[in-house]
Amino acid sequence: MADTNGSEAVDDIYGYDGHGDAARLGLRERHKRDKVHRISQAAGVLFSERGYEGTTLRDIANHAEVALGTLSLYAEDKRDLIVMLFNQLIPPLMDEAARALRPDAGLLDNMVSYFTPFYEAYAKETTLYRIVLGQIFNRLTSAHAQQHARIRTRIIGTLESIIDQAIKNGEIAGSGDRSGQAHSFFYIYFASVRMWLTHDVVLPEAGIADLRAMFSLHIDGMGLLASARPKGRSKRSLS
């Protein structure tokens, strides 16, 4: 393999959006993506079976059928590997979540619908997602972390579009910092899902119900509902 360091090995695996770009990839890039896929799959299986502490990089390399030195070109350590795994697991859930949105649904229903596929997936592989969601913010500078940040930005953008739709439908007032509002919904989701995953029995319907309750309180607390704003009173932006 011609790569001499980790940054060279991963610098172009995120250069395409994954939607129809595969034909544009050269042989070298396809080999890289194949290794990323195999390493991510191996990591997911072993973390699920053995936990984070019980899984070594050598175990993952052996399971992926790559040399340990090759694996080190794709991930600096186990935490970086977790972020790489996150980047493989989450985009398909984002696509599914986006398909669940309805233009005629209310703000609360669409927010809950968007995050429902995440809860359902997490409940099926609880051990794995406890590890993944617990480690992804521990790596700040790698190529995988940069892709993770882009994924998070995409999610925030979708939440902004949900808010925009609610404004278009006349459900909420049009003033305010929509980026700040979208971020606040994301933070509530992330805190809620992390707490839900600490339960001994992880039921998606219970987590989704709690999320709905938190979102409902948040919407009421921000005074976002257009009908809740007193007439003749100036509208204040979310800060």
C-alpha atoms as a PDB file:
ATOM      1  CA  MET A   1       0.000   0.000   0.000  1.00  0.00           C
ATOM      2  CA  ALA A   2       1.468   3.328  -1.036  1.00  0.00           C
ATOM      3  CA  ASP A   3       0.106   5.404   1.838  1.00  0.00           C
ATOM      4  CA  THR A   4       2.701   6.474   4.353  1.00  0.00           C
ATOM      5  CA  ASN A   5       0.552   7.963   7.086  1.00  0.00           C
ATOM      6  CA  GLY A   6      -2.969   7.989   8.410  1.00  0.00           C
ATOM      7  CA  SER A   7      -3.932  11.361   7.000  1.00  0.00           C
ATOM      8  CA  GLU A   8      -3.014  10.221   3.482  1.00  0.00           C
ATOM      9  CA  ALA A   9      -4.997   7.012   3.918  1.00  0.00           C
ATOM     10  CA  VAL A  10      -8.220   8.770   4.849  1.00  0.00           C
ATOM     11  CA  ASP A  11      -7.936  12.163   3.174  1.00  0.00           C
ATOM     12  CA  ASP A  12     -10.121  11.203   0.200  1.00  0.00           C
ATOM     13  CA  ILE A  13     -12.530   8.564   1.525  1.00  0.00           C
ATOM     14  CA  TYR A  14     -14.954  11.341   2.454  1.00  0.00           C
ATOM     15  CA  GLY A  15     -14.537  13.226  -0.802  1.00  0.00           C
ATOM     16  CA  TYR A  16     -17.788  11.912  -2.279  1.00  0.00           C
ATOM     17  CA  ASP A  17     -21.286  12.158  -0.899  1.00  0.00           C
ATOM     18  CA  GLY A  18     -22.136   8.476  -1.316  1.00  0.00           C
ATOM     19  CA  HIS A  19     -25.123   9.133  -3.546  1.00  0.00           C
ATOM     20  CA  GLY A  20     -24.206   8.093  -7.075  1.00  0.00           C
ATOM     21  CA  ASP A  21     -20.518   8.990  -6.872  1.00  0.00           C
ATOM     22  CA  ALA A  22     -19.134   5.453  -6.666  1.00  0.00           C
ATOM     23  CA  ALA A  23     -18.506   5.303 -10.427  1.00  0.00           C
ATOM     24  CA  ARG A  24     -16.239   8.329 -10.168  1.00  0.00           C
ATOM     25  CA  LEU A  25     -13.903   6.625  -7.714  1.00  0.00           C
ATOM     26  CA  GLY A  26     -10.631   5.261  -8.990  1.00  0.00           C
ATOM     27  CA  LEU A  27      -9.352   1.797  -8.122  1.00  0.00           C
ATOM     28  CA  ARG A  28      -7.155   3.144  -5.323  1.00  0.00           C
ATOM     29  CA  GLU A  29     -10.046   4.998  -3.694  1.00  0.00           C
ATOM     30  CA  ARG A  30     -12.342   1.974  -4.020  1.00  0.00           C
ATOM     31  CA  HIS A  31      -9.737  -0.159  -2.252  1.00  0.00           C
ATOM     32  CA  LYS A  32      -9.569   2.401   0.528  1.00  0.00           C
ATOM     33  CA  ARG A  33     -13.325   2.450   0.932  1.00  0.00           C
ATOM     34  CA  ASP A  34     -13.421  -1.318   0.948  1.00  0.00           C
ATOM     35  CA  LYS A  35     -10.901  -1.372   3.788  1.00  0.00           C
ATOM     36  CA  VAL A  36     -12.850   1.269   5.694  1.00  0.00           C
ATOM     37  CA  HIS A  37     -16.002  -0.808   5.293  1.00  0.00           C
ATOM     38  CA  ARG A  38     -14.305  -4.013   6.440  1.00  0.00           C
ATOM     39  CA  ILE A  39     -12.607  -2.341   9.384  1.00  0.00           C
ATOM     40  CA  SER A  40     -15.830  -0.613  10.434  1.00  0.00           C
ATOM     41  CA  GLN A  41     -17.799  -3.850  10.189  1.00  0.00           C
ATOM     42  CA  ALA A  42     -15.186  -5.693  12.240  1.00  0.00           C
ATOM     43  CA  ALA A  43     -15.154  -2.948  14.851  1.00  0.00           C
ATOM     44  CA  GLY A  44     -18.943  -2.981  15.102  1.00  0.00           C
ATOM     45  CA  VAL A  45     -19.086  -6.756  15.586  1.00  0.00           C
ATOM     46  CA  LEU A  46     -16.307  -6.902  18.160  1.00  0.00           C
ATOM     47  CA  PHE A  47     -17.385  -3.853  20.156  1.00  0.00           C
ATOM     48  CA  SER A  48     -20.892  -5.338  20.327  1.00  0.00           C
ATOM     49  CA  GLU A  49     -19.583  -8.714  21.490  1.00  0.00           C
ATOM     50  CA  ARG A  50     -16.685  -7.704  23.749  1.00  0.00           C
ATOM     51  CA  GLY A  51     -17.266  -4.074  24.684  1.00  0.00           C
ATOM     52  CA  TYR A  52     -14.867  -1.183  24.273  1.00  0.00           C
ATOM     53  CA  GLU A  53     -12.221  -2.221  26.791  1.00  0.00           C
ATOM     54  CA  GLY A  54     -12.373  -5.868  25.731  1.00  0.00           C
ATOM     55  CA  THR A  55     -11.601  -5.121  22.087  1.00  0.00           C
ATOM     56  CA  THR A  56      -8.098  -4.413  20.826  1.00  0.00           C
ATOM     57  CA  LEU A  57      -6.943  -2.909  17.566  1.00  0.00           C
ATOM     58  CA  ARG A  58      -5.223  -6.210  16.785  1.00  0.00           C
ATOM     59  CA  ASP A  59      -8.540  -8.040  17.258  1.00  0.00           C
ATOM     60  CA  ILE A  60     -10.219  -5.677  14.817  1.00  0.00           C
ATOM     61  CA  ALA A  61      -7.400  -5.967  12.283  1.00  0.00           C
ATOM     62  CA  ASN A  62      -7.555  -9.754  12.407  1.00  0.00           C
ATOM     63  CA  HIS A  63     -11.338  -9.775  12.031  1.00  0.00           C
ATOM     64  CA  ALA A  64     -11.141  -7.329   9.094  1.00  0.00           C
ATOM     65  CA  GLU A  65      -8.339  -9.396   7.545  1.00  0.00           C
ATOM     66  CA  VAL A  66      -5.941  -6.468   7.313  1.00  0.00           C
ATOM     67  CA  ALA A  67      -2.520  -5.979   8.839  1.00  0.00           C
ATOM     68  CA  LEU A  68      -2.353  -4.060  12.111  1.00  0.00           C
ATOM     69  CA  GLY A  69      -0.112  -1.533  10.382  1.00  0.00           C
ATOM     70  CA  THR A  70      -2.736  -1.055   7.676  1.00  0.00           C
ATOM     71  CA  LEU A  71      -5.438  -0.441  10.259  1.00  0.00           C
ATOM     72  CA  SER A  72      -3.249   2.227  11.878  1.00  0.00           C
ATOM     73  CA  LEU A  73      -3.260   4.097   8.573  1.00  0.00           C
ATOM     74  CA  TYR A  74      -7.037   4.408   8.807  1.00  0.00           C
ATOM     75  CA  ALA A  75      -7.477   5.153  12.510  1.00  0.00           C
ATOM     76  CA  GLU A  76      -5.038   6.613  15.014  1.00  0.00           C
ATOM     77  CA  ASP A  77      -6.459   4.681  17.965  1.00  0.00           C
ATOM     78  CA  LYS A  78      -9.669   3.074  19.208  1.00  0.00           C
ATOM     79  CA  ARG A  79     -11.417   6.410  19.737  1.00  0.00           C
ATOM     80  CA  ASP A  80     -10.623   7.479  16.197  1.00  0.00           C
ATOM     81  CA  LEU A  81     -11.912   4.110  15.038  1.00  0.00           C
ATOM     82  CA  ILE A  82     -15.180   4.771  16.881  1.00  0.00           C
ATOM     83  CA  VAL A  83     -15.603   8.036  14.984  1.00  0.00           C
ATOM     84  CA  MET A  84     -14.914   6.239  11.707  1.00  0.00           C
ATOM     85  CA  LEU A  85     -17.561   3.681  12.649  1.00  0.00           C
ATOM     86  CA  PHE A  86     -20.025   6.456  13.493  1.00  0.00           C
ATOM     87  CA  ASN A  87     -19.461   7.935  10.038  1.00  0.00           C
ATOM     88  CA  GLN A  88     -20.436   4.610   8.476  1.00  0.00           C
ATOM     89  CA  LEU A  89     -23.463   3.909  10.668  1.00  0.00           C
ATOM     90  CA  ILE A  90     -25.241   7.247  10.906  1.00  0.00           C
ATOM     91  CA  PRO A  91     -25.755   8.511   7.304  1.00  0.00           C
ATOM     92  CA  PRO A  92     -28.154   5.658   6.370  1.00  0.00           C
ATOM     93  CA  LEU A  93     -30.186   6.489   9.479  1.00  0.00           C
ATOM     94  CA  MET A  94     -30.211  10.147   8.441  1.00  0.00           C
ATOM     95  CA  ASP A  95     -31.596   9.193   5.039  1.00  0.00           C
ATOM     96  CA  GLU A  96     -34.302   7.068   6.643  1.00  0.00           C
ATOM     97  CA  ALA A  97     -35.108   9.858   9.085  1.00  0.00           C
ATOM     98  CA  ALA A  98     -35.466  12.422   6.313  1.00  0.00           C
ATOM     99  CA  ARG A  99     -37.948  10.163   4.508  1.00  0.00           C
ATOM    100  CA  ALA A 100     -40.135  10.118   7.627  1.00  0.00           C
ATOM    101  CA  LEU A 101     -40.765  13.876   7.489  1.00  0.00           C
ATOM    102  CA  ARG A 102     -44.136  15.148   6.247  1.00  0.00           C
ATOM    103  CA  PRO A 103     -44.802  18.692   5.038  1.00  0.00           C
ATOM    104  CA  ASP A 104     -48.266  18.665   6.632  1.00  0.00           C
ATOM    105  CA  ALA A 105     -47.081  17.461  10.047  1.00  0.00           C
ATOM    106  CA  GLY A 106     -46.526  19.745  13.011  1.00  0.00           C
ATOM    107  CA  LEU A 107     -43.174  20.802  14.417  1.00  0.00           C
ATOM    108  CA  LEU A 108     -43.301  18.367  17.335  1.00  0.00           C
ATOM    109  CA  ASP A 109     -44.380  15.405  15.224  1.00  0.00           C
ATOM    110  CA  ASN A 110     -41.716  15.999  12.594  1.00  0.00           C
ATOM    111  CA  MET A 111     -38.962  16.467  15.166  1.00  0.00           C
ATOM    112  CA  VAL A 112     -39.905  13.202  16.859  1.00  0.00           C
ATOM    113  CA  SER A 113     -40.342  11.396  13.518  1.00  0.00           C
ATOM    114  CA  TYR A 114     -36.894  12.477  12.424  1.00  0.00           C
ATOM    115  CA  PHE A 115     -35.144  10.955  15.435  1.00  0.00           C
ATOM    116  CA  THR A 116     -37.301   7.811  15.659  1.00  0.00           C
ATOM    117  CA  PRO A 117     -35.109   5.724  13.265  1.00  0.00           C
ATOM    118  CA  PHE A 118     -32.085   6.511  15.444  1.00  0.00           C
ATOM    119  CA  TYR A 119     -33.790   5.209  18.571  1.00  0.00           C
ATOM    120  CA  GLU A 120     -34.963   2.091  16.757  1.00  0.00           C
ATOM    121  CA  ALA A 121     -31.462   1.348  15.447  1.00  0.00           C
ATOM    122  CA  TYR A 122     -29.810   2.036  18.797  1.00  0.00           C
ATOM    123  CA  ALA A 123     -32.205  -0.319  20.583  1.00  0.00           C
ATOM    124  CA  LYS A 124     -31.209  -3.184  18.280  1.00  0.00           C
ATOM    125  CA  GLU A 125     -27.482  -2.806  19.032  1.00  0.00           C
ATOM    126  CA  THR A 126     -27.448  -1.216  22.448  1.00  0.00           C
ATOM    127  CA  THR A 127     -23.911  -2.158  23.463  1.00  0.00           C
ATOM    128  CA  LEU A 128     -22.437  -0.857  20.225  1.00  0.00           C
ATOM    129  CA  TYR A 129     -24.243   2.481  20.307  1.00  0.00           C
ATOM    130  CA  ARG A 130     -23.486   3.047  23.976  1.00  0.00           C
ATOM    131  CA  ILE A 131     -19.833   2.898  22.960  1.00  0.00           C
ATOM    132  CA  VAL A 132     -20.208   4.919  19.769  1.00  0.00           C
ATOM    133  CA  LEU A 133     -22.231   7.762  21.280  1.00  0.00           C
ATOM    134  CA  GLY A 134     -20.008   7.802  24.342  1.00  0.00           C
ATOM    135  CA  GLN A 135     -16.763   8.277  22.430  1.00  0.00           C
ATOM    136  CA  ILE A 136     -17.442  10.414  19.357  1.00  0.00           C
ATOM    137  CA  PHE A 137     -16.603  13.764  20.925  1.00  0.00           C
ATOM    138  CA  ASN A 138     -13.209  12.633  22.229  1.00  0.00           C
ATOM    139  CA  ARG A 139     -11.451  13.133  18.894  1.00  0.00           C
ATOM    140  CA  LEU A 140     -11.276  16.650  17.516  1.00  0.00           C
ATOM    141  CA  THR A 141      -8.723  16.857  14.700  1.00  0.00           C
ATOM    142  CA  SER A 142      -8.659  13.662  12.642  1.00  0.00           C
ATOM    143  CA  ALA A 143     -10.197  13.306   9.182  1.00  0.00           C
ATOM    144  CA  HIS A 144     -12.870  11.115  10.737  1.00  0.00           C
ATOM    145  CA  ALA A 145     -13.700  13.818  13.284  1.00  0.00           C
ATOM    146  CA  GLN A 146     -13.983  16.371  10.505  1.00  0.00           C
ATOM    147  CA  GLN A 147     -16.450  14.114   8.697  1.00  0.00           C
ATOM    148  CA  HIS A 148     -18.350  13.626  11.943  1.00  0.00           C
ATOM    149  CA  ALA A 149     -18.660  17.413  12.198  1.00  0.00           C
ATOM    150  CA  ARG A 150     -20.027  17.539   8.643  1.00  0.00           C
ATOM    151  CA  ILE A 151     -22.586  14.872   9.510  1.00  0.00           C
ATOM    152  CA  ARG A 152     -23.679  16.830  12.556  1.00  0.00           C
ATOM    153  CA  THR A 153     -23.993  19.947  10.393  1.00  0.00           C
ATOM    154  CA  ARG A 154     -26.227  18.012   7.983  1.00  0.00           C
ATOM    155  CA  ILE A 155     -28.462  16.930  10.844  1.00  0.00           C
ATOM    156  CA  ILE A 156     -28.701  20.504  12.123  1.00  0.00           C
ATOM    157  CA  GLY A 157     -29.569  21.636   8.594  1.00  0.00           C
ATOM    158  CA  THR A 158     -32.438  19.145   8.435  1.00  0.00           C
ATOM    159  CA  LEU A 159     -33.728  20.359  11.789  1.00  0.00           C
ATOM    160  CA  GLU A 160     -33.639  23.908  10.449  1.00  0.00           C
ATOM    161  CA  SER A 161     -35.722  22.764   7.477  1.00  0.00           C
ATOM    162  CA  ILE A 162     -38.271  21.260   9.874  1.00  0.00           C
ATOM    163  CA  ILE A 163     -38.493  24.610  11.668  1.00  0.00           C
ATOM    164  CA  ASP A 164     -38.794  26.426   8.327  1.00  0.00           C
ATOM    165  CA  GLN A 165     -41.680  24.133   7.360  1.00  0.00           C
ATOM    166  CA  ALA A 166     -43.443  24.885  10.639  1.00  0.00           C
ATOM    167  CA  ILE A 167     -43.049  28.595   9.926  1.00  0.00           C
ATOM    168  CA  LYS A 168     -44.397  28.113   6.396  1.00  0.00           C
ATOM    169  CA  ASN A 169     -47.383  26.237   7.806  1.00  0.00           C
ATOM    170  CA  GLY A 170     -48.081  29.111  10.201  1.00  0.00           C
ATOM    171  CA  GLU A 171     -47.515  26.944  13.257  1.00  0.00           C
ATOM    172  CA  ILE A 172     -44.701  29.033  14.692  1.00  0.00           C
ATOM    173  CA  ALA A 173     -43.535  32.608  14.356  1.00  0.00           C
ATOM    174  CA  GLY A 174     -40.958  33.390  11.710  1.00  0.00           C
ATOM    175  CA  SER A 175     -38.584  35.451  13.806  1.00  0.00           C
ATOM    176  CA  GLY A 176     -35.721  34.005  15.772  1.00  0.00           C
ATOM    177  CA  ASP A 177     -32.375  32.359  15.277  1.00  0.00           C
ATOM    178  CA  ARG A 178     -33.286  29.181  13.397  1.00  0.00           C
ATOM    179  CA  SER A 179     -29.767  27.824  13.632  1.00  0.00           C
ATOM    180  CA  GLY A 180     -29.834  28.282  17.399  1.00  0.00           C
ATOM    181  CA  GLN A 181     -33.262  26.692  17.591  1.00  0.00           C
ATOM    182  CA  ALA A 182     -32.115  23.707  15.517  1.00  0.00           C
ATOM    183  CA  HIS A 183     -29.025  23.272  17.684  1.00  0.00           C
ATOM    184  CA  SER A 184     -31.154  23.311  20.813  1.00  0.00           C
ATOM    185  CA  PHE A 185     -33.347  20.489  19.493  1.00  0.00           C
ATOM    186  CA  PHE A 186     -30.227  18.496  18.622  1.00  0.00           C
ATOM    187  CA  TYR A 187     -28.732  18.991  22.083  1.00  0.00           C
ATOM    188  CA  ILE A 188     -31.967  17.852  23.727  1.00  0.00           C
ATOM    189  CA  TYR A 189     -31.997  14.762  21.529  1.00  0.00           C
ATOM    190  CA  PHE A 190     -28.377  13.925  22.240  1.00  0.00           C
ATOM    191  CA  ALA A 191     -28.710  14.311  26.000  1.00  0.00           C
ATOM    192  CA  SER A 192     -31.975  12.366  26.002  1.00  0.00           C
ATOM    193  CA  VAL A 193     -30.694   9.474  23.909  1.00  0.00           C
ATOM    194  CA  ARG A 194     -27.527   9.153  25.997  1.00  0.00           C
ATOM    195  CA  MET A 195     -29.596   8.994  29.194  1.00  0.00           C
ATOM    196  CA  TRP A 196     -32.004   6.488  27.627  1.00  0.00           C
ATOM    197  CA  LEU A 197     -29.105   4.215  26.678  1.00  0.00           C
ATOM    198  CA  THR A 198     -28.043   3.973  30.333  1.00  0.00           C
ATOM    199  CA  HIS A 199     -31.193   2.022  31.212  1.00  0.00           C
ATOM    200  CA  ASP A 200     -30.889  -1.702  31.809  1.00  0.00           C
ATOM    201  CA  VAL A 201     -33.776  -2.342  29.416  1.00  0.00           C
ATOM    202  CA  VAL A 202     -33.681  -0.099  26.352  1.00  0.00           C
ATOM    203  CA  LEU A 203     -37.094   0.183  24.720  1.00  0.00           C
ATOM    204  CA  PRO A 204     -37.387   2.505  21.712  1.00  0.00           C
ATOM    205  CA  GLU A 205     -40.976   3.466  22.467  1.00  0.00           C
ATOM    206  CA  ALA A 206     -39.987   4.624  25.959  1.00  0.00           C
ATOM    207  CA  GLY A 207     -37.091   6.694  24.667  1.00  0.00           C
ATOM    208  CA  ILE A 208     -39.193   8.229  21.913  1.00  0.00           C
ATOM    209  CA  ALA A 209     -41.952   9.089  24.391  1.00  0.00           C
ATOM    210  CA  ASP A 210     -39.431  10.829  26.659  1.00  0.00           C
ATOM    211  CA  LEU A 211     -38.001  12.709  23.697  1.00  0.00           C
ATOM    212  CA  ARG A 212     -41.472  13.864  22.674  1.00  0.00           C
ATOM    213  CA  ALA A 213     -42.084  15.146  26.189  1.00  0.00           C
ATOM    214  CA  MET A 214     -38.758  17.012  26.238  1.00  0.00           C
ATOM    215  CA  PHE A 215     -39.357  18.536  22.810  1.00  0.00           C
ATOM    216  CA  SER A 216     -42.876  19.572  23.805  1.00  0.00           C
ATOM    217  CA  LEU A 217     -41.581  21.353  26.903  1.00  0.00           C
ATOM    218  CA  HIS A 218     -38.870  22.993  24.848  1.00  0.00           C
ATOM    219  CA  ILE A 219     -41.292  24.293  22.225  1.00  0.00           C
ATOM    220  CA  ASP A 220     -43.572  25.684  24.924  1.00  0.00           C
ATOM    221  CA  GLY A 221     -40.669  27.118  26.891  1.00  0.00           C
ATOM    222  CA  MET A 222     -39.201  28.965  23.914  1.00  0.00           C
ATOM    223  CA  GLY A 223     -42.585  30.469  23.121  1.00  0.00           C
ATOM    224  CA  LEU A 224     -42.201  29.292  19.542  1.00  0.00           C
ATOM    225  CA  LEU A 225     -45.880  28.685  18.961  1.00  0.00           C
ATOM    226  CA  ALA A 226     -47.310  31.627  17.054  1.00  0.00           C
ATOM    227  CA  SER A 227     -50.609  31.391  18.945  1.00  0.00           C
ATOM    228  CA  ALA A 228     -48.779  31.689  22.266  1.00  0.00           C
ATOM    229  CA  ARG A 229     -47.309  35.128  21.513  1.00  0.00           C
ATOM    230  CA  PRO A 230     -49.270  38.010  23.059  1.00  0.00           C
ATOM    231  CA  LYS A 231     -50.709  40.378  20.467  1.00  0.00           C
ATOM    232  CA  GLY A 232     -48.967  43.708  20.124  1.00  0.00           C
ATOM    233  CA  ARG A 233     -45.812  42.413  21.779  1.00  0.00           C
ATOM    234  CA  SER A 234     -42.538  42.448  19.891  1.00  0.00           C
ATOM    235  CA  LYS A 235     -41.076  39.061  18.978  1.00  0.00           C
ATOM    236  CA  ARG A 236     -37.710  38.312  20.450  1.00  0.00           C
ATOM    237  CA  SER A 237     -35.025  36.292  18.747  1.00  0.00           C
ATOM    238  CA  LEU A 238     -33.606  33.197  20.383  1.00  0.00           C
ATOM    239  CA  SER A 239     -30.100  33.984  21.583  1.00  0.00           C
END
